Protein backbone atom coordinates (compact mmCIF):
# COMPACT_ATOMS: atom_id res chain seq x y z
CA MET A 1 4.91 -23.31 1.01
CA ALA A 2 4.78 -19.58 0.63
CA TYR A 3 2.67 -17.30 2.87
CA PHE A 4 0.21 -16.14 0.00
CA ASP A 5 -0.14 -19.48 -2.01
CA ASN A 6 -3.88 -19.52 -0.84
CA ALA A 7 -4.55 -15.77 -0.87
CA LYS A 8 -7.95 -14.85 -2.43
CA LYS A 9 -9.41 -11.63 -4.14
CA GLY A 10 -11.22 -10.00 -1.11
CA ASP A 11 -8.90 -11.36 1.66
CA VAL A 12 -8.26 -8.58 4.41
CA VAL A 13 -4.30 -8.00 5.01
CA PHE A 14 -2.58 -5.90 7.06
CA GLY A 15 0.92 -3.93 5.32
CA LEU A 16 3.38 -2.81 8.04
CA VAL A 17 4.00 0.52 5.74
CA PHE A 18 0.01 1.40 4.79
CA GLY A 19 -1.89 -0.59 7.00
CA LYS A 20 -5.28 -2.46 6.35
CA GLY A 21 -5.88 -3.50 3.02
CA THR A 22 -7.46 -5.83 0.51
CA ILE A 23 -6.40 -8.24 -1.92
CA ARG A 24 -7.19 -6.94 -5.05
CA ASP A 25 -6.03 -9.46 -7.63
CA VAL A 26 -4.30 -12.82 -7.57
CA PHE A 27 -2.08 -13.68 -10.21
CA GLU A 28 -0.47 -17.15 -10.90
CA ASP A 29 2.24 -16.66 -13.53
CA SER A 30 3.95 -13.53 -12.43
CA HIS A 31 6.67 -12.63 -10.21
CA TYR A 32 4.03 -10.79 -7.93
CA LYS A 33 1.42 -13.19 -6.51
CA ILE A 34 -0.97 -10.27 -5.55
CA VAL A 35 -1.77 -6.97 -5.82
CA VAL A 36 -3.15 -5.05 -2.34
CA GLU A 37 -5.47 -2.08 -2.20
CA PHE A 38 -4.86 -0.40 1.01
CA GLU A 39 -7.69 1.99 2.60
CA ASN A 40 -5.36 5.23 1.27
CA GLU A 41 -5.85 4.15 -2.15
CA HIS A 42 -2.27 3.00 -2.71
CA GLU A 43 -2.37 -0.09 -5.00
CA ILE A 44 0.95 -2.28 -4.08
CA PRO A 45 1.91 -5.59 -5.97
CA TYR A 46 3.39 -8.12 -3.33
CA THR A 47 5.06 -11.61 -3.84
CA GLU A 48 4.04 -14.66 -2.69
CA ASP A 49 6.19 -14.22 0.64
CA GLY A 50 4.48 -10.63 1.55
CA VAL A 51 7.63 -8.75 0.02
CA PRO A 52 6.54 -5.52 -1.46
CA GLY A 53 7.26 -4.26 -5.04
CA TRP A 54 8.59 -1.07 -4.08
CA GLY A 55 11.10 0.52 -1.99
CA LYS A 56 14.04 -1.50 -0.70
CA PHE A 57 12.33 -4.09 1.41
CA GLN A 58 13.75 -7.23 1.63
CA VAL A 59 11.71 -8.63 4.13
CA GLN A 60 8.02 -9.70 4.52
CA THR A 61 5.81 -6.32 5.54
CA LEU A 62 2.36 -7.71 4.69
CA PHE A 63 0.33 -10.24 6.30
CA TYR A 64 -3.35 -11.75 7.12
CA LYS A 65 -4.91 -9.15 9.01
CA THR A 66 -5.92 -12.28 11.64
CA ASP A 67 -2.08 -13.22 11.81
CA ILE A 68 -0.52 -10.48 13.06
CA ASP A 69 -0.12 -9.06 16.62
CA VAL A 70 0.54 -5.32 16.43
CA THR A 71 0.71 -5.12 20.14
CA GLU A 72 4.68 -4.99 19.76
CA LEU A 73 4.73 -2.25 17.39
CA ASP A 74 5.17 1.21 18.40
CA PHE A 75 1.75 3.53 17.77
CA SER A 76 2.51 5.97 20.35
CA PRO A 77 1.91 9.93 19.44
CA VAL A 78 4.41 12.24 19.10
CA SER A 79 5.41 13.77 22.06
CA LYS A 80 7.20 16.98 20.32
CA VAL A 81 6.90 18.35 17.32
CA LEU A 82 10.54 19.06 15.73
CA THR A 83 11.50 21.82 13.53
CA PRO A 84 12.83 21.21 9.91
CA LYS A 85 16.22 22.01 10.57
CA LYS A 86 16.12 19.52 13.62
CA ILE A 87 14.66 16.98 11.54
CA ILE A 88 17.20 17.22 9.12
CA LYS A 89 20.02 17.41 11.56
CA LEU A 90 18.35 14.08 13.02
CA MET A 91 18.54 12.40 9.25
CA ASP A 92 22.14 13.41 8.98
CA LYS A 93 22.64 11.38 12.01
CA LYS A 94 20.49 8.60 11.51
CA LYS A 95 18.23 8.93 14.47
CA LEU A 96 15.30 10.01 12.72
CA GLU A 97 12.31 7.92 12.70
CA VAL A 98 8.90 8.80 10.48
CA ARG A 99 5.29 7.53 11.41
CA LEU A 100 4.27 5.35 8.44
CA PRO A 101 0.64 5.87 6.82
CA SER A 102 -0.19 2.74 9.06
CA GLY A 103 0.70 4.38 12.29
CA ILE A 104 3.78 2.56 12.93
CA TRP A 105 7.50 4.63 13.72
CA HIS A 106 10.02 3.46 11.42
CA LYS A 107 13.76 4.25 10.91
CA CYS A 108 14.25 6.93 8.51
CA ASN A 109 16.53 4.49 5.76
CA LYS A 110 16.37 4.22 2.27
CA ALA A 111 13.11 2.61 1.94
CA THR A 112 11.33 5.41 3.17
CA LYS A 113 13.92 8.25 1.88
CA LYS A 114 11.20 9.22 -0.81
CA TYR A 115 8.10 9.22 1.85
CA THR A 116 10.34 11.48 4.26
CA ARG A 117 11.38 13.82 1.48
CA GLU A 118 7.32 14.14 0.79
CA MET A 119 6.41 14.91 4.10
CA LEU A 120 8.97 17.18 4.62
CA GLU A 121 8.26 19.41 1.77
CA LYS A 122 4.03 19.22 2.59
CA GLU A 123 5.23 20.68 6.41
CA LYS A 124 3.86 17.28 7.92
CA PHE A 125 6.83 17.64 11.07
CA HIS A 126 4.07 15.96 13.49
CA LEU A 127 5.20 12.90 11.47
CA PHE A 128 8.66 13.17 12.84
CA ARG A 129 10.70 11.91 16.11
CA LYS A 130 14.21 11.53 17.72
CA GLN A 131 14.43 8.01 17.56
CA PRO A 132 14.25 6.56 21.31
CA SER A 133 17.08 5.35 23.38
CA ASN A 134 17.24 1.63 24.16
């Protein structure tokens, strides 16, 4: 049984990328089971397992809001605003993180490359930080 087998229009969900959303449509005979409308007006199709129809994600990124515990996720504020030069340098070294619209910090990779470029072009430098050392 898949995670979204019993999904209904109007169910409240949480996406790791876009945050809080609502199921807008449910399909029976389609590769994508549901379409979610997020508070920032993005509409994204998802499979019955919660895998989005955009980017290079291969894992579940959508959950029912009541099922996810976000206390383990990093929502901390940026401590230092980076310069564009430093952002590009960290991206080349694969040590850059970007703050997603949901507020979660995510390592810059293929899945977030377009979003990263858009935020750089819009000069939203406060949405970047050096990846913390573990």
